[in-house]
Every structure is written in structure tokens, then in C-alpha cells.
Amino acid sequence: MIDPVWASAAELGDAYRSGAASPVAVVQALLARIEKLEPGLNAFIRRETDTALLSAVESEARWKQGKPLSAIDGVPYGLKDVIDAAGQPTTCHSKLRLNHIAAHDARVTGLLRQAGAVLMGKLATHEFALGGPSFDLPFPPARNPWNRDYHPGGSSSGAGVAVAAGMLPFALGTDTAGSIRNPAGACGVVGLKPTYGLLPRDGVFPLAPSLDHVGPLCRSVADAALLLDLLSEGRPGHRSDGNSYRMDIDSGLAGIRIGVVQAFIDLCESQVAKALQHAIAVLRDAGAVIAPVDLPDLAFLQTVNRVILQAEGWSIHAGDLRQRAGDYAASTRKRLLPGAFLSAEDLLQAQRQRRRMIAAMQQALSGVDILLVPNSFDPICRIDDEVALQHGYARQARAPFNLTGHPAIALPIGFCDQGLPISVQLAGRYFDEALLLRAARGLEQIVSWREARPNL
């Protein structure tokens, strides 16, 4: 028997196949867990109790007939509330979208529906995946399950919280400057931002279309591979050899060349730096080849990302900001309004620099297979500490991989003195998620924190 609260998506599918668990019992257990923990964690904007149970009944019948739709038929999940599910609101955590009902599934939602996965609800985000955490919105911000006084990361905050708290085995989020990897790191789970364009974004409310990515937050690297197989099949860039992303995931670390960006680690707070150095040591001991690698100045990379994000964000929100600015949270307005003052030349110059940064990243990856960089540079701060929040958002190495579009994954490697998670980030070559996941899996198996769980 397995514990439905803490089982991974792959473990649940295996348990359904063997008869060790049933979709109905698992969904009932997670609904009870959600009822117990909400609204204290505020992970959910909307719960789908009745439809989830109906979907579980249908899934259970398929498993009994030996005709499951996929390996995750009957596995529960949640959607960041910028991703459409037909007939349900997509609020983007905003007053402006409270009455918006999605006419169709987002492409990723449709793929999960076709696979038989059970949608448990829509999850909290920062408003329009940008501003936050905010306390002047229709829904409260999500809370970190390790300590509710602390920030859960953003903007896929509800997704990170729900997975870390045992309410869901996986969720889908979005990532424009780190918004999958930030909550994954803050909540102690795995977060994958695939190569730009590998997963479809149809039906996902955009923040900055040339930077936006969709990806999973889950409990294990194996689950990230499983979900990538399902969601990327048939997409340009999917494994050209036709094999599963899971096929080589347990092949180990021997011979993988890992480039360490020491200049970024040198920016980290001491506890974070110590955890990263330990991760590097165990990678070397496991047979990985460690080499120093240089990347362009981090502040410059972040600035180029920010200019593009603000210009594209303004183009999407300009009409509402002119007519309904007061309906946005104060923090969202503060982040979007600078886009009004950017010129076409500013954007063109940023795109020119972006091409230079892509070339530099490609050059760095020409001599190694994987890059190792920090996720956040500091331990998680309190959710009500505005100064620390703003300081922390700049102290990270996530945005460069949105700018260049390279795949990146965050996974936990330890805890700080306050008992809050510390995370590492690995990045790889375009569409080489297979090797990236293999490296992440190898590290996960050595420095495994999966059994560590919040005291809820």
C-alpha cells in the first residue's frame, strides 16, 4: 500500500495498475487533505470536488477494465490560474478577470484531460503572474507550508505550495523570469522550465510571450520526465530519437560534464553557498566532470530580460491600465507601468543584446553538458517583509534562462537554519531535456530531501 498524500504521479499510476490503490480513494484522500489545510495555505482559488470525484470514478472503471488512457490516468493535479480549463474561470488572481469563463481547454489542459488526469482545481498565483505577493486582491496570497509566515515563491505559488503540502502530486505552472523554479525552490519540490516552445502555450494567459514557458512542479525528477513525455509528444524539439525522457534517467552521473558558474555562487548568502558547494562535491564524487564556466554579467542578463518583459507586458495590459488601473494590485501596477515609458528603440536594443546573450550561453554550453547555478541567492524571507521580498527577487539566477530559452530545472538540496528549503538549478542545451533530467535525477538520488515534509 502507498500513502496517497505523498505518492508521486508515477507511483500512483503503478499502484493503480497493481491494484494497491484506486483513483477514487486517492482523490478522496487528497480532497480531505485540501479541506484540512485550506484556507490556511491559500493554495487553491477554486476547488473541483464533484467533477474530480466523477473523473476518478471513470478512471477507476478504466483501470479495472485494463484500459487506462495513460500512465497518469486517475492521477490528481492542479492548474495555475492563468491556464484555461473549459467551463471554469481563469481569474489570473485578479479582479479584472473574475467573470472570465474559459471556452476551451488550454492545450496542456486538454492533453492532461486526454490522459485521464483528474483536475482538482485552479491554484493561486501572483496577479497576472507578475505582481505579488499582494494583500489587496480578491484572493489571499499562498503561504509557504514549511512556515506560513514565509514567502512560497512566485508566481506559481499555489502550485508549489499544493505539491509541497501533500495536496497534489503535481501541478502545472508558468515561468517568465523564474516563476516555476522560484516556488519550487522555496517550497522544496522539483520545478522544470523546458526549452522555450517545447510545451504549448495555447490557452495560457500571457505575461511576456517571448519569455513565457509552461512546465510542471512535482515531487521528483522522474515525475518531471513523465509529464514532459506526455505534454511534449509530437511537438517540435521532442526527442528526435523517439525515446522517452525517462529512458536514460537512471543512467547515473558518470562522465557528465557540469559547468559551475562560480561567479553566481559567490553572490549567495553563506548557507546557500555551502549547500551548493556540497552539491558540487557529491556530483564530482559520483563521477561527474566539474569545470568552471563563465557567463555574462548577471545584472546585465536580468536587465535585458526585464526590459523585454515590461515592454511585452505593457502591450498586453495597456488598455486596462489606462481604463481600470485601480482594479490592479498596487504591486502589479508598479511592475507593469514602466513598460509605458520604453521606446521601440529600447526593445530593439534589448533584442539585440538578447541575441548576444544567447550566443554567450551557447558558447558556455559548448564545452560542458550542464550548467550548475544557484536558484535563489538567499534563504526565503517573510511574506510580509516588502523590502526583503524586492531585494530577493533580484538575487536569483533564473531569468537568464528565460531570456535565452534554455531548459532549466530546480530541485532541493538542503535546508537553512530556519528549516526552510534551499534549491539548486541545473540548465542544459536546447531540447536536451533528456540529459538535463538524467543529471538532476542523479543529484536527487544522492542529495535526496524528498522524505522531508512540512509539519502540517
Protein backbone atom coordinates (compact mmCIF):
# COMPACT_ATOMS: atom_id res chain seq x y z
CA MET A 1 0.00 0.00 0.00
CA ILE A 2 1.12 3.56 -0.64
CA ASP A 3 0.38 6.83 1.09
CA PRO A 4 -1.85 8.74 -1.36
CA VAL A 5 -0.89 12.06 0.20
CA TRP A 6 2.83 11.75 -0.53
CA ALA A 7 2.98 9.39 -3.51
CA SER A 8 4.39 10.70 -6.76
CA ALA A 9 2.42 10.69 -10.00
CA ALA A 10 4.43 7.72 -11.29
CA GLU A 11 3.92 5.82 -8.03
CA LEU A 12 0.18 6.41 -8.17
CA GLY A 13 -0.03 5.10 -11.73
CA ASP A 14 1.94 1.99 -10.73
CA ALA A 15 -0.33 1.49 -7.71
CA TYR A 16 -3.45 1.74 -9.85
CA ARG A 17 -2.02 -0.84 -12.24
CA SER A 18 -1.20 -3.30 -9.44
CA GLY A 19 -4.41 -2.68 -7.51
CA ALA A 20 -2.55 -1.29 -4.49
CA ALA A 21 -4.57 1.95 -4.76
CA SER A 22 -7.61 3.24 -6.57
CA PRO A 23 -8.27 6.65 -8.18
CA VAL A 24 -11.41 7.18 -6.10
CA ALA A 25 -9.65 6.50 -2.80
CA VAL A 26 -6.72 8.73 -3.77
CA VAL A 27 -8.93 11.62 -4.84
CA GLN A 28 -10.99 11.30 -1.66
CA ALA A 29 -7.82 11.31 0.46
CA LEU A 30 -6.49 14.43 -1.28
CA LEU A 31 -9.83 16.22 -1.07
CA ALA A 32 -9.77 15.57 2.68
CA ARG A 33 -6.19 16.85 2.84
CA ILE A 34 -7.14 20.01 0.94
CA GLU A 35 -10.14 20.57 3.21
CA LYS A 36 -7.89 20.24 6.25
CA LEU A 37 -5.17 22.64 5.05
CA GLU A 38 -7.21 25.26 3.20
CA PRO A 39 -7.68 28.15 3.65
CA GLY A 40 -4.63 28.31 5.91
CA LEU A 41 -2.24 27.80 2.98
CA ASN A 42 -4.38 29.56 0.35
CA ALA A 43 -3.04 27.32 -2.41
CA PHE A 44 -6.39 26.99 -4.18
CA ILE A 45 -8.51 29.67 -5.80
CA ARG A 46 -11.16 27.16 -6.88
CA ARG A 47 -11.68 23.50 -5.97
CA GLU A 48 -13.33 20.96 -8.25
CA THR A 49 -14.72 18.47 -5.70
CA ASP A 50 -17.67 16.98 -7.57
CA THR A 51 -16.07 16.87 -11.02
CA ALA A 52 -12.87 15.43 -9.55
CA LEU A 53 -14.76 12.59 -7.91
CA LEU A 54 -16.68 11.89 -11.11
CA SER A 55 -13.44 11.80 -13.09
CA ALA A 56 -11.94 9.44 -10.52
CA VAL A 57 -14.90 7.05 -10.82
CA GLU A 58 -14.49 7.00 -14.61
CA SER A 59 -10.75 6.43 -14.29
CA GLU A 60 -11.21 3.59 -11.82
CA ALA A 61 -13.52 1.84 -14.25
CA ARG A 62 -10.90 2.09 -16.99
CA TRP A 63 -8.18 0.63 -14.78
CA LYS A 64 -10.44 -2.27 -13.79
CA GLN A 65 -11.06 -2.97 -17.46
CA GLY A 66 -7.33 -2.84 -18.16
CA LYS A 67 -7.82 0.15 -20.47
CA PRO A 68 -6.25 3.19 -18.80
CA LEU A 69 -5.78 6.22 -21.02
CA SER A 70 -2.19 6.72 -19.87
CA ALA A 71 0.25 6.09 -17.03
CA ILE A 72 -1.31 9.01 -15.13
CA ASP A 73 -4.97 8.10 -15.67
CA GLY A 74 -6.67 8.98 -12.38
CA VAL A 75 -3.71 10.97 -11.01
CA PRO A 76 -4.82 14.28 -9.43
CA TYR A 77 -3.28 17.62 -10.43
CA GLY A 78 -3.88 21.37 -10.31
CA LEU A 79 -3.50 24.31 -12.70
CA LYS A 80 -2.02 27.71 -12.03
CA ASP A 81 -4.95 30.04 -12.62
CA VAL A 82 -3.54 31.55 -15.78
CA ILE A 83 -4.12 28.23 -17.62
CA ASP A 84 -7.56 27.63 -19.12
CA ALA A 85 -9.84 24.72 -18.28
CA ALA A 86 -13.05 24.70 -20.32
CA GLY A 87 -16.09 25.97 -18.43
CA GLN A 88 -14.08 27.24 -15.46
CA PRO A 89 -12.94 30.75 -14.56
CA THR A 90 -9.40 31.79 -15.40
CA THR A 91 -9.03 34.69 -12.98
CA CYS A 92 -5.26 35.26 -13.12
CA HIS A 93 -5.78 36.06 -9.41
CA SER A 94 -7.22 39.42 -10.48
CA LYS A 95 -10.36 41.47 -10.00
CA LEU A 96 -10.27 42.21 -13.73
CA ARG A 97 -10.92 38.56 -14.65
CA LEU A 98 -13.35 37.37 -12.00
CA ASN A 99 -16.11 36.82 -14.57
CA HIS A 100 -13.98 35.30 -17.31
CA ILE A 101 -15.01 31.72 -18.15
CA ALA A 102 -12.74 29.73 -20.43
CA ALA A 103 -14.48 28.48 -23.57
CA HIS A 104 -11.84 25.85 -24.26
CA ASP A 105 -9.08 23.93 -22.54
CA ALA A 106 -5.55 25.22 -22.85
CA ARG A 107 -3.60 22.78 -24.98
CA VAL A 108 -1.74 21.40 -21.94
CA THR A 109 -5.03 21.01 -20.05
CA GLY A 110 -6.51 19.14 -22.98
CA LEU A 111 -3.54 16.78 -23.08
CA LEU A 112 -3.94 16.01 -19.38
CA ARG A 113 -7.66 15.51 -19.84
CA GLN A 114 -7.00 13.08 -22.71
CA ALA A 115 -4.57 11.25 -20.42
CA GLY A 116 -7.28 10.83 -17.78
CA ALA A 117 -5.60 13.01 -15.13
CA VAL A 118 -8.00 14.42 -12.55
CA LEU A 119 -8.19 18.20 -12.24
CA MET A 120 -8.60 19.11 -8.56
CA GLY A 121 -8.78 22.88 -9.01
CA LYS A 122 -7.18 26.16 -10.00
CA LEU A 123 -4.22 27.39 -8.00
CA ALA A 124 -3.13 30.72 -6.59
CA THR A 125 -0.67 32.88 -8.48
CA HIS A 126 0.61 36.41 -8.33
CA GLU A 127 -1.73 38.71 -10.22
CA PHE A 128 -1.25 38.09 -13.95
CA ALA A 129 1.82 36.04 -12.98
CA LEU A 130 3.68 39.23 -12.10
CA GLY A 131 2.68 41.28 -9.07
CA GLY A 132 2.88 39.85 -5.62
CA PRO A 133 2.51 38.59 -3.09
CA SER A 134 -0.36 41.06 -2.76
CA PHE A 135 -2.89 41.55 0.00
CA ASP A 136 -5.22 43.84 -1.99
CA LEU A 137 -6.69 41.24 -4.36
CA PRO A 138 -9.88 39.12 -4.36
CA PHE A 139 -7.89 36.09 -3.18
CA PRO A 140 -5.22 35.95 -0.46
CA PRO A 141 -1.64 35.02 -1.35
CA ALA A 142 -0.48 31.45 -0.87
CA ARG A 143 1.59 30.62 2.21
CA ASN A 144 4.74 28.54 2.50
CA PRO A 145 3.87 25.13 4.03
CA TRP A 146 7.21 24.93 5.86
CA ASN A 147 6.34 28.13 7.74
CA ARG A 148 3.22 30.12 6.90
CA ASP A 149 4.88 33.39 7.80
CA TYR A 150 7.31 32.94 4.91
CA HIS A 151 7.11 33.54 1.17
CA PRO A 152 6.30 30.49 -1.02
CA GLY A 153 7.95 31.98 -4.11
CA GLY A 154 6.14 33.28 -7.13
CA SER A 155 4.34 33.45 -9.32
CA SER A 156 3.35 29.76 -9.47
CA SER A 157 2.98 29.94 -5.71
CA GLY A 158 -0.17 27.86 -5.31
CA ALA A 159 1.35 25.09 -7.41
CA GLY A 160 4.50 24.91 -5.28
CA VAL A 161 2.51 25.02 -2.04
CA ALA A 162 -0.03 22.37 -3.06
CA VAL A 163 2.65 19.89 -4.14
CA ALA A 164 4.89 20.52 -1.12
CA ALA A 165 1.97 20.25 1.32
CA GLY A 166 0.78 16.87 0.04
CA MET A 167 -2.39 18.22 -1.56
CA LEU A 168 -1.39 17.29 -5.11
CA PRO A 169 1.31 15.07 -6.65
CA PHE A 170 1.90 17.59 -9.43
CA ALA A 171 0.72 20.88 -10.87
CA LEU A 172 1.34 22.98 -13.96
CA GLY A 173 2.77 26.47 -13.67
CA THR A 174 4.26 29.13 -15.91
CA ASP A 175 7.68 30.74 -15.92
CA THR A 176 8.66 34.10 -17.46
CA ALA A 177 11.53 35.13 -15.19
CA GLY A 178 11.69 32.10 -12.89
CA SER A 179 8.09 31.61 -11.77
CA ILE A 180 8.21 27.80 -11.74
CA ARG A 181 11.70 27.47 -10.29
CA ASN A 182 11.22 30.13 -7.60
CA PRO A 183 8.28 28.43 -5.80
CA ALA A 184 9.83 25.01 -6.44
CA GLY A 185 12.91 26.19 -4.57
CA ALA A 186 11.01 27.99 -1.82
CA CYS A 187 8.71 25.02 -1.18
CA GLY A 188 11.25 22.22 -1.61
CA VAL A 189 9.91 20.49 -4.75
CA VAL A 190 11.09 19.95 -8.33
CA GLY A 191 10.28 22.57 -10.96
CA LEU A 192 11.08 22.21 -14.66
CA LYS A 193 11.17 25.02 -17.22
CA PRO A 194 11.60 23.20 -20.55
CA THR A 195 13.19 24.63 -23.66
CA TYR A 196 11.22 27.59 -24.99
CA GLY A 197 8.39 26.31 -27.19
CA LEU A 198 8.72 22.63 -26.28
CA LEU A 199 5.40 22.74 -24.42
CA PRO A 200 2.40 24.50 -25.98
CA ARG A 201 1.17 27.81 -24.52
CA ASP A 202 -2.18 27.97 -26.31
CA GLY A 203 -4.86 28.90 -23.78
CA VAL A 204 -2.36 30.29 -21.26
CA PHE A 205 -2.79 33.97 -20.37
CA PRO A 206 0.47 35.63 -21.47
CA LEU A 207 2.78 37.82 -19.46
CA ALA A 208 5.60 38.26 -21.99
CA PRO A 209 5.07 35.85 -24.90
CA SER A 210 8.71 35.66 -25.99
CA LEU A 211 9.76 34.71 -22.44
CA ASP A 212 6.79 32.62 -21.26
CA HIS A 213 7.17 28.89 -20.60
CA VAL A 214 4.81 26.21 -19.23
CA GLY A 215 6.11 23.41 -17.04
CA PRO A 216 5.46 21.04 -14.14
CA LEU A 217 6.06 21.30 -10.42
CA CYS A 218 6.22 17.85 -8.87
CA ARG A 219 7.80 15.69 -6.16
CA SER A 220 10.53 14.00 -8.19
CA VAL A 221 12.66 14.38 -11.29
CA ALA A 222 11.11 11.12 -12.55
CA ASP A 223 7.69 12.77 -12.47
CA ALA A 224 9.06 15.76 -14.40
CA ALA A 225 10.26 13.35 -17.10
CA LEU A 226 6.94 11.50 -17.13
CA LEU A 227 4.98 14.73 -17.59
CA LEU A 228 7.37 16.05 -20.21
CA ASP A 229 6.84 12.86 -22.22
CA LEU A 230 3.09 13.35 -22.11
CA LEU A 231 2.95 17.09 -22.77
CA SER A 232 5.64 17.38 -25.46
CA GLU A 233 4.81 14.39 -27.65
CA GLY A 234 4.59 15.46 -31.26
CA ARG A 235 5.98 18.92 -30.52
CA PRO A 236 8.92 20.41 -32.43
CA GLY A 237 12.03 19.61 -30.39
CA HIS A 238 10.63 16.46 -28.75
CA ARG A 239 13.31 13.76 -28.53
CA SER A 240 14.41 13.24 -32.10
CA ASP A 241 15.24 9.59 -31.39
CA GLY A 242 11.62 8.96 -30.43
CA ASN A 243 12.57 7.65 -26.99
CA SER A 244 11.04 8.57 -23.65
CA TYR A 245 12.64 11.22 -21.45
CA ARG A 246 12.51 8.56 -18.75
CA MET A 247 14.57 6.01 -20.69
CA ASP A 248 18.05 7.14 -19.57
CA ILE A 249 17.10 8.96 -16.40
CA ASP A 250 18.73 6.42 -14.07
CA SER A 251 21.98 6.11 -16.06
CA GLY A 252 23.93 8.00 -13.43
CA LEU A 253 26.27 10.96 -13.40
CA ALA A 254 29.49 9.36 -14.61
CA GLY A 255 31.04 11.34 -17.44
CA ILE A 256 28.52 14.18 -17.46
CA ARG A 257 30.40 17.47 -17.78
CA ILE A 258 28.97 20.04 -15.39
CA GLY A 259 30.00 23.66 -15.69
CA VAL A 260 29.89 25.58 -12.41
CA VAL A 261 29.25 29.31 -12.63
CA GLN A 262 31.24 30.24 -9.53
CA ALA A 263 30.68 33.98 -10.03
CA PHE A 264 26.98 33.42 -9.34
CA ILE A 265 27.63 31.21 -6.31
CA ASP A 266 29.92 33.91 -4.90
CA LEU A 267 26.85 36.20 -4.73
CA CYS A 268 25.00 33.79 -2.43
CA GLU A 269 24.36 34.03 1.29
CA SER A 270 26.67 31.67 3.20
CA GLN A 271 24.12 28.92 3.93
CA VAL A 272 23.05 28.77 0.30
CA ALA A 273 26.65 28.81 -0.93
CA LYS A 274 27.56 25.97 1.46
CA ALA A 275 24.68 23.82 0.20
CA LEU A 276 25.68 24.46 -3.40
CA GLN A 277 29.32 23.57 -2.74
CA HIS A 278 28.17 20.34 -1.12
CA ALA A 279 26.08 19.52 -4.19
CA ILE A 280 29.10 20.14 -6.41
CA ALA A 281 31.22 17.84 -4.24
CA VAL A 282 28.75 14.96 -4.40
CA LEU A 283 28.39 15.37 -8.15
CA ARG A 284 32.16 15.09 -8.51
CA ASP A 285 32.27 12.06 -6.21
CA ALA A 286 29.56 10.40 -8.33
CA GLY A 287 31.69 10.68 -11.45
CA ALA A 288 30.59 13.96 -12.98
CA VAL A 289 33.34 16.09 -14.50
CA ILE A 290 33.28 19.52 -12.85
CA ALA A 291 34.66 22.53 -14.72
CA PRO A 292 34.48 26.31 -14.20
CA VAL A 293 32.33 28.24 -16.66
CA ASP A 294 31.81 31.97 -17.17
CA LEU A 295 28.55 33.62 -18.16
CA PRO A 296 27.82 37.29 -18.93
CA ASP A 297 27.27 39.66 -16.02
CA LEU A 298 24.16 38.56 -14.15
CA ALA A 299 22.80 42.06 -13.61
CA PHE A 300 23.03 42.71 -17.34
CA LEU A 301 21.23 39.44 -18.16
CA GLN A 302 18.46 40.36 -15.73
CA THR A 303 18.15 43.88 -17.13
CA VAL A 304 17.70 42.65 -20.69
CA ASN A 305 15.07 40.16 -19.51
CA ARG A 306 13.28 42.89 -17.55
CA VAL A 307 13.12 45.34 -20.47
CA ILE A 308 11.58 42.71 -22.74
CA LEU A 309 9.17 41.56 -20.03
CA GLN A 310 7.99 45.09 -19.26
CA ALA A 311 7.60 46.04 -22.92
CA GLU A 312 5.62 42.92 -23.76
CA GLY A 313 3.64 43.08 -20.51
CA TRP A 314 2.66 46.68 -21.19
CA SER A 315 1.44 45.76 -24.69
CA ILE A 316 -0.95 43.22 -23.15
CA HIS A 317 -2.21 45.37 -20.26
CA ALA A 318 -2.06 48.91 -21.70
CA GLY A 319 -5.81 49.20 -22.31
CA ASP A 320 -6.84 48.02 -18.86
CA LEU A 321 -4.14 50.06 -17.14
CA ARG A 322 -5.40 53.20 -18.87
CA GLN A 323 -9.05 52.50 -18.04
CA ARG A 324 -9.04 50.36 -14.87
CA ALA A 325 -5.70 50.91 -13.18
CA GLY A 326 -7.32 50.92 -9.74
CA ASP A 327 -8.51 47.33 -10.22
CA TYR A 328 -4.92 46.07 -10.30
CA ALA A 329 -2.98 45.36 -7.14
CA ALA A 330 -0.55 48.14 -6.29
CA SER A 331 2.45 45.85 -6.78
CA THR A 332 1.22 44.74 -10.23
CA ARG A 333 0.80 48.34 -11.38
CA LYS A 334 4.28 49.14 -10.12
CA ARG A 335 5.78 46.33 -12.19
CA LEU A 336 3.77 46.95 -15.37
CA LEU A 337 3.76 50.74 -15.67
CA PRO A 338 7.47 51.15 -16.54
CA GLY A 339 6.66 49.45 -19.82
CA ALA A 340 4.72 52.55 -20.88
CA PHE A 341 7.95 54.55 -20.92
CA LEU A 342 10.00 52.13 -23.01
CA SER A 343 10.56 53.07 -26.62
CA ALA A 344 10.75 50.90 -29.71
CA GLU A 345 14.49 51.54 -29.66
CA ASP A 346 14.69 50.25 -26.09
CA LEU A 347 13.03 47.00 -27.12
CA LEU A 348 15.12 46.64 -30.26
CA GLN A 349 18.30 47.20 -28.29
CA ALA A 350 17.19 44.61 -25.72
CA GLN A 351 16.55 42.11 -28.50
CA ARG A 352 19.99 42.79 -29.96
CA GLN A 353 21.53 42.15 -26.56
CA ARG A 354 19.38 39.05 -26.19
CA ARG A 355 20.98 37.57 -29.30
CA ARG A 356 24.41 38.27 -27.80
CA MET A 357 23.40 36.58 -24.55
CA ILE A 358 22.11 33.53 -26.42
CA ALA A 359 25.43 33.24 -28.23
CA ALA A 360 27.30 33.54 -24.92
CA MET A 361 25.14 30.83 -23.33
CA GLN A 362 25.65 28.58 -26.33
CA GLN A 363 29.39 29.13 -26.08
CA ALA A 364 29.35 28.24 -22.38
CA LEU A 365 27.47 25.02 -23.15
CA SER A 366 29.82 24.07 -25.98
CA GLY A 367 32.40 22.82 -23.51
CA VAL A 368 30.10 21.24 -20.93
CA ASP A 369 26.82 19.32 -20.89
CA ILE A 370 25.09 21.04 -17.97
CA LEU A 371 25.40 24.35 -16.12
CA LEU A 372 25.07 24.50 -12.33
CA VAL A 373 23.94 27.81 -10.85
CA PRO A 374 22.03 28.92 -7.76
CA ASN A 375 18.27 29.22 -7.77
CA SER A 376 17.73 31.93 -5.13
CA PHE A 377 20.82 33.51 -3.57
CA ASP A 378 19.26 33.92 -0.12
CA PRO A 379 17.12 31.86 2.25
CA ILE A 380 13.40 32.52 1.97
CA CYS A 381 12.18 35.73 3.58
CA ARG A 382 8.97 36.53 5.42
CA ILE A 383 5.92 37.09 3.25
CA ASP A 384 5.19 40.47 4.87
CA ASP A 385 8.72 41.86 4.53
CA GLU A 386 8.36 44.05 1.43
CA VAL A 387 11.97 45.22 1.46
CA ALA A 388 13.34 41.68 1.66
CA LEU A 389 10.90 40.47 -0.99
CA GLN A 390 12.00 43.08 -3.51
CA HIS A 391 15.64 42.50 -2.65
CA GLY A 392 15.24 38.76 -3.08
CA TYR A 393 13.55 38.93 -6.47
CA ALA A 394 16.72 40.45 -7.91
CA ARG A 395 19.02 37.94 -6.21
CA GLN A 396 18.49 34.90 -8.38
CA ALA A 397 19.88 33.20 -11.47
CA ARG A 398 16.60 32.12 -13.07
CA ALA A 399 15.80 34.93 -15.51
CA PRO A 400 18.84 34.33 -17.77
CA PHE A 401 17.35 31.03 -18.95
CA ASN A 402 14.04 32.68 -19.85
CA LEU A 403 15.98 35.25 -21.84
CA THR A 404 17.90 32.59 -23.77
CA GLY A 405 15.21 29.89 -23.75
CA HIS A 406 17.47 27.10 -22.45
CA PRO A 407 15.87 24.39 -20.29
CA ALA A 408 16.41 24.62 -16.53
CA ILE A 409 15.32 22.58 -13.53
CA ALA A 410 15.26 23.41 -9.82
CA LEU A 411 15.48 20.78 -7.09
CA PRO A 412 16.01 20.85 -3.32
CA ILE A 413 19.47 20.23 -1.86
CA GLY A 414 19.06 21.11 1.82
CA PHE A 415 17.64 23.45 4.43
CA CYS A 416 18.72 26.70 6.01
CA ASP A 417 18.92 27.26 9.76
CA GLN A 418 15.24 28.29 9.84
CA GLY A 419 14.21 24.90 8.44
CA LEU A 420 13.30 26.30 5.01
CA PRO A 421 14.39 24.68 1.72
CA ILE A 422 17.48 25.56 -0.31
CA SER A 423 17.50 24.75 -4.03
CA VAL A 424 19.97 24.32 -6.88
CA GLN A 425 19.36 24.97 -10.56
CA LEU A 426 20.71 22.95 -13.48
CA ALA A 427 20.44 24.13 -17.08
CA GLY A 428 21.14 22.39 -20.36
CA ARG A 429 21.30 22.70 -24.11
CA TYR A 430 18.26 23.42 -26.24
CA PHE A 431 15.95 20.40 -26.39
CA ASP A 432 18.39 18.22 -24.46
CA GLU A 433 16.00 17.71 -21.56
CA ALA A 434 16.93 14.02 -21.54
CA LEU A 435 20.46 14.75 -20.32
CA LEU A 436 19.30 17.55 -18.04
CA LEU A 437 16.82 15.24 -16.34
CA ARG A 438 19.43 12.49 -16.04
CA ALA A 439 21.81 14.88 -14.28
CA ALA A 440 19.07 16.18 -11.99
CA ARG A 441 17.95 12.65 -11.17
CA GLY A 442 21.50 11.62 -10.33
CA LEU A 443 21.86 14.53 -7.93
CA GLU A 444 18.40 13.93 -6.46
CA GLN A 445 19.26 10.33 -5.63
CA ILE A 446 22.37 11.38 -3.71
CA VAL A 447 21.15 14.56 -2.01
CA SER A 448 17.56 13.46 -1.55
CA TRP A 449 15.22 15.57 0.56
CA ARG A 450 12.01 14.03 -0.69
CA GLU A 451 11.29 12.35 2.63
CA ALA A 452 11.50 15.66 4.45
CA ARG A 453 7.98 17.06 4.72
CA PRO A 454 6.36 20.10 6.25
CA ASN A 455 4.87 19.65 9.70
CA LEU A 456 1.23 20.40 8.89
